[in-house]
Amino acid sequence: MCLGVPGKIIQIYETEGLKMGQVDFSGATREACLEYVPETKVGDYVLVHVGFAINVLSEEEAHETLSLLQEVIAFREKELADAEESKAA
């Protein structure tokens, strides 16, 4: 299973001949390779998987995807809490 996370490009630069960028993921900044999405510019949203931007997203798509990921995380946390509660009972 592949999980891509949307982020906003805040800086673009070249490293050893590769187009790279700093991408903001809701406050956490990470480096990502932008070679697969050469048309990107600062301010664009991209879908990043294991350090590689694999798709360009609209701002709306990025926010919608982040919202869905947060729902999945909240659901999983509730499942884990319920399981712990039933163990303790």
PDB file of N, CA and C in Angstrom:
ATOM      1  N   MET A   1       0.839  -1.176   0.000  1.00  0.00           N
ATOM      2  CA  MET A   1       0.000   0.000   0.000  1.00  0.00           C
ATOM      3  C   MET A   1       0.884   1.239   0.000  1.00  0.00           C
ATOM      4  N   CYS A   2       0.495   2.195  -0.762  1.00  0.00           N
ATOM      5  CA  CYS A   2       1.239   3.448  -0.889  1.00  0.00           C
ATOM      6  C   CYS A   2       0.433   4.562  -0.232  1.00  0.00           C
ATOM      7  N   LEU A   3       1.097   5.386   0.538  1.00  0.00           N
ATOM      8  CA  LEU A   3       0.414   6.513   1.158  1.00  0.00           C
ATOM      9  C   LEU A   3       1.165   7.786   0.814  1.00  0.00           C
ATOM     10  N   GLY A   4       0.549   8.616   0.010  1.00  0.00           N
ATOM     11  CA  GLY A   4       1.117   9.913  -0.324  1.00  0.00           C
ATOM     12  C   GLY A   4       0.491  10.971   0.557  1.00  0.00           C
ATOM     13  N   VAL A   5       1.296  11.936   0.967  1.00  0.00           N
ATOM     14  CA  VAL A   5       0.824  13.006   1.839  1.00  0.00           C
ATOM     15  C   VAL A   5       0.962  14.329   1.102  1.00  0.00           C
ATOM     16  N   PRO A   6      -0.096  15.145   1.096  1.00  0.00           N
ATOM     17  CA  PRO A   6      -0.017  16.432   0.413  1.00  0.00           C
ATOM     18  C   PRO A   6       0.752  17.462   1.230  1.00  0.00           C
ATOM     19  N   GLY A   7       1.505  18.282   0.515  1.00  0.00           N
ATOM     20  CA  GLY A   7       2.243  19.366   1.146  1.00  0.00           C
ATOM     21  C   GLY A   7       2.423  20.511   0.174  1.00  0.00           C
ATOM     22  N   LYS A   8       2.832  21.658   0.712  1.00  0.00           N
ATOM     23  CA  LYS A   8       3.003  22.869  -0.088  1.00  0.00           C
ATOM     24  C   LYS A   8       4.493  23.154  -0.271  1.00  0.00           C
ATOM     25  N   ILE A   9       4.900  23.355  -1.516  1.00  0.00           N
ATOM     26  CA  ILE A   9       6.303  23.664  -1.807  1.00  0.00           C
ATOM     27  C   ILE A   9       6.602  25.080  -1.319  1.00  0.00           C
ATOM     28  N   ILE A  10       7.623  25.203  -0.463  1.00  0.00           N
ATOM     29  CA  ILE A  10       7.987  26.519   0.051  1.00  0.00           C
ATOM     30  C   ILE A  10       9.351  26.992  -0.456  1.00  0.00           C
ATOM     31  N   GLN A  11      10.104  26.078  -1.052  1.00  0.00           N
ATOM     32  CA  GLN A  11      11.413  26.445  -1.601  1.00  0.00           C
ATOM     33  C   GLN A  11      11.802  25.412  -2.651  1.00  0.00           C
ATOM     34  N   ILE A  12      12.435  25.877  -3.726  1.00  0.00           N
ATOM     35  CA  ILE A  12      12.932  24.978  -4.777  1.00  0.00           C
ATOM     36  C   ILE A  12      14.405  25.278  -4.996  1.00  0.00           C
ATOM     37  N   TYR A  13      15.195  24.220  -5.176  1.00  0.00           N
ATOM     38  CA  TYR A  13      16.626  24.361  -5.412  1.00  0.00           C
ATOM     39  C   TYR A  13      17.123  23.120  -6.147  1.00  0.00           C
ATOM     40  N   GLU A  14      18.371  23.151  -6.536  1.00  0.00           N
ATOM     41  CA  GLU A  14      18.973  22.016  -7.228  1.00  0.00           C
ATOM     42  C   GLU A  14      20.059  21.417  -6.348  1.00  0.00           C
ATOM     43  N   THR A  15      20.074  20.097  -6.277  1.00  0.00           N
ATOM     44  CA  THR A  15      21.100  19.371  -5.538  1.00  0.00           C
ATOM     45  C   THR A  15      21.641  18.273  -6.434  1.00  0.00           C
ATOM     46  N   GLU A  16      22.923  18.350  -6.752  1.00  0.00           N
ATOM     47  CA  GLU A  16      23.580  17.358  -7.603  1.00  0.00           C
ATOM     48  C   GLU A  16      22.797  17.108  -8.888  1.00  0.00           C
ATOM     49  N   GLY A  17      22.301  18.181  -9.483  1.00  0.00           N
ATOM     50  CA  GLY A  17      21.599  18.094 -10.754  1.00  0.00           C
ATOM     51  C   GLY A  17      20.134  17.701 -10.660  1.00  0.00           C
ATOM     52  N   LEU A  18      19.621  17.529  -9.443  1.00  0.00           N
ATOM     53  CA  LEU A  18      18.224  17.138  -9.252  1.00  0.00           C
ATOM     54  C   LEU A  18      17.402  18.314  -8.733  1.00  0.00           C
ATOM     55  N   LYS A  19      16.180  18.452  -9.256  1.00  0.00           N
ATOM     56  CA  LYS A  19      15.264  19.480  -8.756  1.00  0.00           C
ATOM     57  C   LYS A  19      14.705  18.997  -7.420  1.00  0.00           C
ATOM     58  N   MET A  20      14.995  19.751  -6.370  1.00  0.00           N
ATOM     59  CA  MET A  20      14.573  19.400  -5.019  1.00  0.00           C
ATOM     60  C   MET A  20      13.773  20.554  -4.437  1.00  0.00           C
ATOM     61  N   GLY A  21      13.089  20.290  -3.345  1.00  0.00           N
ATOM     62  CA  GLY A  21      12.346  21.356  -2.698  1.00  0.00           C
ATOM     63  C   GLY A  21      12.102  21.073  -1.233  1.00  0.00           C
ATOM     64  N   GLN A  22      11.819  22.144  -0.516  1.00  0.00           N
ATOM     65  CA  GLN A  22      11.352  22.028   0.856  1.00  0.00           C
ATOM     66  C   GLN A  22       9.833  22.075   0.787  1.00  0.00           C
ATOM     67  N   VAL A  23       9.190  21.103   1.418  1.00  0.00           N
ATOM     68  CA  VAL A  23       7.734  20.986   1.367  1.00  0.00           C
ATOM     69  C   VAL A  23       7.193  21.059   2.789  1.00  0.00           C
ATOM     70  N   ASP A  24       6.169  21.890   2.964  1.00  0.00           N
ATOM     71  CA  ASP A  24       5.530  22.061   4.266  1.00  0.00           C
ATOM     72  C   ASP A  24       4.340  21.114   4.383  1.00  0.00           C
ATOM     73  N   PHE A  25       4.386  20.267   5.407  1.00  0.00           N
ATOM     74  CA  PHE A  25       3.305  19.327   5.693  1.00  0.00           C
ATOM     75  C   PHE A  25       2.638  19.756   6.998  1.00  0.00           C
ATOM     76  N   SER A  26       1.739  20.704   6.914  1.00  0.00           N
ATOM     77  CA  SER A  26       1.007  21.190   8.101  1.00  0.00           C
ATOM     78  C   SER A  26       1.946  21.581   9.235  1.00  0.00           C
ATOM     79  N   GLY A  27       3.007  22.296   8.901  1.00  0.00           N
ATOM     80  CA  GLY A  27       3.935  22.784   9.915  1.00  0.00           C
ATOM     81  C   GLY A  27       5.249  22.031   9.996  1.00  0.00           C
ATOM     82  N   ALA A  28       5.304  20.825   9.497  1.00  0.00           N
ATOM     83  CA  ALA A  28       6.552  20.054   9.452  1.00  0.00           C
ATOM     84  C   ALA A  28       7.142  20.201   8.052  1.00  0.00           C
ATOM     85  N   THR A  29       8.396  20.604   7.977  1.00  0.00           N
ATOM     86  CA  THR A  29       9.043  20.821   6.687  1.00  0.00           C
ATOM     87  C   THR A  29      10.006  19.682   6.393  1.00  0.00           C
ATOM     88  N   ARG A  30       9.908  19.146   5.180  1.00  0.00           N
ATOM     89  CA  ARG A  30      10.779  18.049   4.752  1.00  0.00           C
ATOM     90  C   ARG A  30      11.256  18.309   3.330  1.00  0.00           C
ATOM     91  N   GLU A  31      12.391  17.706   2.995  1.00  0.00           N
ATOM     92  CA  GLU A  31      12.911  17.791   1.638  1.00  0.00           C
ATOM     93  C   GLU A  31      12.226  16.737   0.776  1.00  0.00           C
ATOM     94  N   ALA A  32      11.945  17.105  -0.473  1.00  0.00           N
ATOM     95  CA  ALA A  32      11.355  16.154  -1.419  1.00  0.00           C
ATOM     96  C   ALA A  32      11.984  16.357  -2.788  1.00  0.00           C
ATOM     97  N   CYS A  33      12.142  15.268  -3.509  1.00  0.00           N
ATOM     98  CA  CYS A  33      12.619  15.328  -4.885  1.00  0.00           C
ATOM     99  C   CYS A  33      11.448  15.740  -5.773  1.00  0.00           C
ATOM    100  N   LEU A  34      11.678  16.719  -6.646  1.00  0.00           N
ATOM    101  CA  LEU A  34      10.626  17.237  -7.523  1.00  0.00           C
ATOM    102  C   LEU A  34      10.824  16.828  -8.979  1.00  0.00           C
ATOM    103  N   GLU A  35      11.718  15.893  -9.228  1.00  0.00           N
ATOM    104  CA  GLU A  35      12.022  15.486 -10.603  1.00  0.00           C
ATOM    105  C   GLU A  35      10.818  14.914 -11.350  1.00  0.00           C
ATOM    106  N   TYR A  36       9.908  14.255 -10.641  1.00  0.00           N
ATOM    107  CA  TYR A  36       8.731  13.667 -11.308  1.00  0.00           C
ATOM    108  C   TYR A  36       7.655  14.697 -11.634  1.00  0.00           C
ATOM    109  N   VAL A  37       7.801  15.891 -11.067  1.00  0.00           N
ATOM    110  CA  VAL A  37       6.834  16.973 -11.302  1.00  0.00           C
ATOM    111  C   VAL A  37       7.606  18.256 -11.647  1.00  0.00           C
ATOM    112  N   PRO A  38       8.307  18.245 -12.783  1.00  0.00           N
ATOM    113  CA  PRO A  38       9.209  19.356 -13.119  1.00  0.00           C
ATOM    114  C   PRO A  38       8.513  20.697 -13.320  1.00  0.00           C
ATOM    115  N   GLU A  39       7.197  20.684 -13.540  1.00  0.00           N
ATOM    116  CA  GLU A  39       6.465  21.925 -13.784  1.00  0.00           C
ATOM    117  C   GLU A  39       6.147  22.696 -12.506  1.00  0.00           C
ATOM    118  N   THR A  40       6.463  22.126 -11.353  1.00  0.00           N
ATOM    119  CA  THR A  40       6.088  22.753 -10.088  1.00  0.00           C
ATOM    120  C   THR A  40       6.848  24.042  -9.822  1.00  0.00           C
ATOM    121  N   LYS A  41       6.201  24.874  -8.999  1.00  0.00           N
ATOM    122  CA  LYS A  41       6.817  26.131  -8.566  1.00  0.00           C
ATOM    123  C   LYS A  41       6.480  26.345  -7.094  1.00  0.00           C
ATOM    124  N   VAL A  42       7.162  27.281  -6.459  1.00  0.00           N
ATOM    125  CA  VAL A  42       6.896  27.598  -5.059  1.00  0.00           C
ATOM    126  C   VAL A  42       5.423  27.977  -4.915  1.00  0.00           C
ATOM    127  N   GLY A  43       4.782  27.422  -3.906  1.00  0.00           N
ATOM    128  CA  GLY A  43       3.362  27.674  -3.658  1.00  0.00           C
ATOM    129  C   GLY A  43       2.456  26.563  -4.148  1.00  0.00           C
ATOM    130  N   ASP A  44       2.972  25.689  -5.014  1.00  0.00           N
ATOM    131  CA  ASP A  44       2.182  24.557  -5.502  1.00  0.00           C
ATOM    132  C   ASP A  44       2.048  23.499  -4.410  1.00  0.00           C
ATOM    133  N   TYR A  45       0.975  22.736  -4.497  1.00  0.00           N
ATOM    134  CA  TYR A  45       0.761  21.594  -3.612  1.00  0.00           C
ATOM    135  C   TYR A  45       1.117  20.328  -4.376  1.00  0.00           C
ATOM    136  N   VAL A  46       1.815  19.424  -3.689  1.00  0.00           N
ATOM    137  CA  VAL A  46       2.223  18.165  -4.305  1.00  0.00           C
ATOM    138  C   VAL A  46       1.889  17.008  -3.373  1.00  0.00           C
ATOM    139  N   LEU A  47       1.740  15.840  -3.963  1.00  0.00           N
ATOM    140  CA  LEU A  47       1.537  14.611  -3.211  1.00  0.00           C
ATOM    141  C   LEU A  47       2.900  13.937  -3.102  1.00  0.00           C
ATOM    142  N   VAL A  48       3.371  13.702  -1.878  1.00  0.00           N
ATOM    143  CA  VAL A  48       4.717  13.169  -1.652  1.00  0.00           C
ATOM    144  C   VAL A  48       4.630  11.767  -1.059  1.00  0.00           C
ATOM    145  N   HIS A  49       5.402  10.866  -1.653  1.00  0.00           N
ATOM    146  CA  HIS A  49       5.517   9.491  -1.160  1.00  0.00           C
ATOM    147  C   HIS A  49       6.992   9.156  -1.044  1.00  0.00           C
ATOM    148  N   VAL A  50       7.413   8.723   0.128  1.00  0.00           N
ATOM    149  CA  VAL A  50       8.804   8.374   0.446  1.00  0.00           C
ATOM    150  C   VAL A  50       9.821   9.377  -0.107  1.00  0.00           C
ATOM    151  N   GLY A  51       9.528  10.655   0.052  1.00  0.00           N
ATOM    152  CA  GLY A  51      10.483  11.690  -0.334  1.00  0.00           C
ATOM    153  C   GLY A  51      10.426  12.138  -1.776  1.00  0.00           C
ATOM    154  N   PHE A  52       9.485  11.616  -2.546  1.00  0.00           N
ATOM    155  CA  PHE A  52       9.342  11.995  -3.954  1.00  0.00           C
ATOM    156  C   PHE A  52       7.966  12.602  -4.190  1.00  0.00           C
ATOM    157  N   ALA A  53       7.931  13.799  -4.771  1.00  0.00           N
ATOM    158  CA  ALA A  53       6.659  14.389  -5.177  1.00  0.00           C
ATOM    159  C   ALA A  53       6.211  13.635  -6.424  1.00  0.00           C
ATOM    160  N   ILE A  54       5.015  13.053  -6.359  1.00  0.00           N
ATOM    161  CA  ILE A  54       4.567  12.196  -7.460  1.00  0.00           C
ATOM    162  C   ILE A  54       3.388  12.771  -8.231  1.00  0.00           C
ATOM    163  N   ASN A  55       2.808  13.863  -7.722  1.00  0.00           N
ATOM    164  CA  ASN A  55       1.662  14.457  -8.407  1.00  0.00           C
ATOM    165  C   ASN A  55       1.474  15.887  -7.919  1.00  0.00           C
ATOM    166  N   VAL A  56       0.949  16.739  -8.786  1.00  0.00           N
ATOM    167  CA  VAL A  56       0.606  18.109  -8.408  1.00  0.00           C
ATOM    168  C   VAL A  56      -0.883  18.131  -8.073  1.00  0.00           C
ATOM    169  N   LEU A  57      -1.227  18.802  -6.972  1.00  0.00           N
ATOM    170  CA  LEU A  57      -2.613  18.894  -6.527  1.00  0.00           C
ATOM    171  C   LEU A  57      -3.061  20.351  -6.496  1.00  0.00           C
ATOM    172  N   SER A  58      -4.359  20.550  -6.619  1.00  0.00           N
ATOM    173  CA  SER A  58      -4.893  21.885  -6.368  1.00  0.00           C
ATOM    174  C   SER A  58      -4.912  22.085  -4.852  1.00  0.00           C
ATOM    175  N   GLU A  59      -5.025  23.323  -4.424  1.00  0.00           N
ATOM    176  CA  GLU A  59      -5.089  23.597  -2.986  1.00  0.00           C
ATOM    177  C   GLU A  59      -6.294  22.885  -2.364  1.00  0.00           C
ATOM    178  N   GLU A  60      -7.404  22.885  -3.077  1.00  0.00           N
ATOM    179  CA  GLU A  60      -8.621  22.222  -2.590  1.00  0.00           C
ATOM    180  C   GLU A  60      -8.396  20.717  -2.422  1.00  0.00           C
ATOM    181  N   GLU A  61      -7.764  20.081  -3.419  1.00  0.00           N
ATOM    182  CA  GLU A  61      -7.481  18.638  -3.330  1.00  0.00           C
ATOM    183  C   GLU A  61      -6.564  18.332  -2.149  1.00  0.00           C
ATOM    184  N   ALA A  62      -5.558  19.192  -1.952  1.00  0.00           N
ATOM    185  CA  ALA A  62      -4.616  18.984  -0.854  1.00  0.00           C
ATOM    186  C   ALA A  62      -5.330  19.058   0.491  1.00  0.00           C
ATOM    187  N   HIS A  63      -6.168  20.079   0.677  1.00  0.00           N
ATOM    188  CA  HIS A  63      -6.883  20.226   1.948  1.00  0.00           C
ATOM    189  C   HIS A  63      -7.885  19.095   2.167  1.00  0.00           C
ATOM    190  N   GLU A  64      -8.553  18.682   1.113  1.00  0.00           N
ATOM    191  CA  GLU A  64      -9.510  17.576   1.220  1.00  0.00           C
ATOM    192  C   GLU A  64      -8.795  16.281   1.612  1.00  0.00           C
ATOM    193  N   THR A  65      -7.654  16.022   0.988  1.00  0.00           N
ATOM    194  CA  THR A  65      -6.882  14.814   1.297  1.00  0.00           C
ATOM    195  C   THR A  65      -6.389  14.840   2.738  1.00  0.00           C
ATOM    196  N   LEU A  66      -5.884  15.996   3.187  1.00  0.00           N
ATOM    197  CA  LEU A  66      -5.428  16.108   4.576  1.00  0.00           C
ATOM    198  C   LEU A  66      -6.577  15.876   5.552  1.00  0.00           C
ATOM    199  N   SER A  67      -7.733  16.399   5.230  1.00  0.00           N
ATOM    200  CA  SER A  67      -8.907  16.212   6.080  1.00  0.00           C
ATOM    201  C   SER A  67      -9.275  14.729   6.177  1.00  0.00           C
ATOM    202  N   LEU A  68      -9.251  14.039   5.052  1.00  0.00           N
ATOM    203  CA  LEU A  68      -9.551  12.604   5.048  1.00  0.00           C
ATOM    204  C   LEU A  68      -8.519  11.810   5.850  1.00  0.00           C
ATOM    205  N   LEU A  69      -7.245  12.174   5.712  1.00  0.00           N
ATOM    206  CA  LEU A  69      -6.198  11.496   6.482  1.00  0.00           C
ATOM    207  C   LEU A  69      -6.408  11.709   7.978  1.00  0.00           C
ATOM    208  N   GLN A  70      -6.797  12.917   8.367  1.00  0.00           N
ATOM    209  CA  GLN A  70      -7.055  13.197   9.781  1.00  0.00           C
ATOM    210  C   GLN A  70      -8.233  12.374  10.296  1.00  0.00           C
ATOM    211  N   GLU A  71      -9.257  12.180   9.463  1.00  0.00           N
ATOM    212  CA  GLU A  71     -10.395  11.341   9.850  1.00  0.00           C
ATOM    213  C   GLU A  71      -9.957   9.891  10.065  1.00  0.00           C
ATOM    214  N   VAL A  72      -9.112   9.386   9.184  1.00  0.00           N
ATOM    215  CA  VAL A  72      -8.615   8.012   9.310  1.00  0.00           C
ATOM    216  C   VAL A  72      -7.812   7.862  10.600  1.00  0.00           C
ATOM    217  N   ILE A  73      -6.959   8.826  10.887  1.00  0.00           N
ATOM    218  CA  ILE A  73      -6.147   8.781  12.110  1.00  0.00           C
ATOM    219  C   ILE A  73      -7.045   8.805  13.341  1.00  0.00           C
ATOM    220  N   ALA A  74      -8.036   9.690  13.351  1.00  0.00           N
ATOM    221  CA  ALA A  74      -8.953   9.785  14.495  1.00  0.00           C
ATOM    222  C   ALA A  74      -9.720   8.476  14.684  1.00  0.00           C
ATOM    223  N   PHE A  75     -10.166   7.879  13.594  1.00  0.00           N
ATOM    224  CA  PHE A  75     -10.888   6.607  13.663  1.00  0.00           C
ATOM    225  C   PHE A  75      -9.992   5.522  14.254  1.00  0.00           C
ATOM    226  N   ARG A  76      -8.759   5.462  13.775  1.00  0.00           N
ATOM    227  CA  ARG A  76      -7.819   4.437  14.251  1.00  0.00           C
ATOM    228  C   ARG A  76      -7.496   4.639  15.728  1.00  0.00           C
ATOM    229  N   GLU A  77      -7.314   5.893  16.144  1.00  0.00           N
ATOM    230  CA  GLU A  77      -7.033   6.168  17.551  1.00  0.00           C
ATOM    231  C   GLU A  77      -8.206   5.730  18.428  1.00  0.00           C
ATOM    232  N   LYS A  78      -9.431   5.954  17.959  1.00  0.00           N
ATOM    233  CA  LYS A  78     -10.615   5.524  18.712  1.00  0.00           C
ATOM    234  C   LYS A  78     -10.667   4.002  18.795  1.00  0.00           C
ATOM    235  N   GLU A  79     -10.363   3.336  17.694  1.00  0.00           N
ATOM    236  CA  GLU A  79     -10.326   1.864  17.695  1.00  0.00           C
ATOM    237  C   GLU A  79      -9.340   1.342  18.733  1.00  0.00           C
ATOM    238  N   LEU A  80      -8.149   1.932  18.760  1.00  0.00           N
ATOM    239  CA  LEU A  80      -7.122   1.500  19.705  1.00  0.00           C
ATOM    240  C   LEU A  80      -7.549   1.765  21.142  1.00  0.00           C
ATOM    241  N   ALA A  81      -8.147   2.927  21.384  1.00  0.00           N
ATOM    242  CA  ALA A  81      -8.614   3.259  22.731  1.00  0.00           C
ATOM    243  C   ALA A  81      -9.716   2.298  23.167  1.00  0.00           C
ATOM    244  N   ASP A  82     -10.640   1.987  22.264  1.00  0.00           N
ATOM    245  CA  ASP A  82     -11.717   1.044  22.580  1.00  0.00           C
ATOM    246  C   ASP A  82     -11.157  -0.346  22.886  1.00  0.00           C
ATOM    247  N   ALA A  83     -10.153  -0.764  22.130  1.00  0.00           N
ATOM    248  CA  ALA A  83      -9.536  -2.074  22.356  1.00  0.00           C
ATOM    249  C   ALA A  83      -8.855  -2.118  23.723  1.00  0.00           C
ATOM    250  N   GLU A  84      -8.163  -1.052  24.086  1.00  0.00           N
ATOM    251  CA  GLU A  84      -7.507  -0.985  25.396  1.00  0.00           C
ATOM    252  C   GLU A  84      -8.543  -1.003  26.517  1.00  0.00           C
ATOM    253  N   GLU A  85      -9.638  -0.281  26.295  1.00  0.00           N
ATOM    254  CA  GLU A  85     -10.706  -0.217  27.296  1.00  0.00           C
ATOM    255  C   GLU A  85     -11.341  -1.594  27.511  1.00  0.00           C
ATOM    256  N   SER A  86     -11.566  -2.319  26.428  1.00  0.00           N
ATOM    257  CA  SER A  86     -12.181  -3.645  26.557  1.00  0.00           C
ATOM    258  C   SER A  86     -11.212  -4.647  27.185  1.00  0.00           C
ATOM    259  N   LYS A  87      -9.908  -4.461  26.995  1.00  0.00           N
ATOM    260  CA  LYS A  87      -8.907  -5.317  27.647  1.00  0.00           C
ATOM    261  C   LYS A  87      -8.933  -5.110  29.158  1.00  0.00           C
ATOM    262  N   ALA A  88      -9.082  -3.846  29.552  1.00  0.00           N
ATOM    263  CA  ALA A  88      -9.054  -3.495  30.970  1.00  0.00           C
ATOM    264  C   ALA A  88     -10.321  -3.946  31.699  1.00  0.00           C
ATOM    265  N   ALA A  89     -11.396  -4.139  30.958  1.00  0.00           N
ATOM    266  CA  ALA A  89     -12.686  -4.501  31.596  1.00  0.00           C
ATOM    267  C   ALA A  89     -12.772  -5.954  31.974  1.00  0.00           C
TER     268      ALA A  89
END
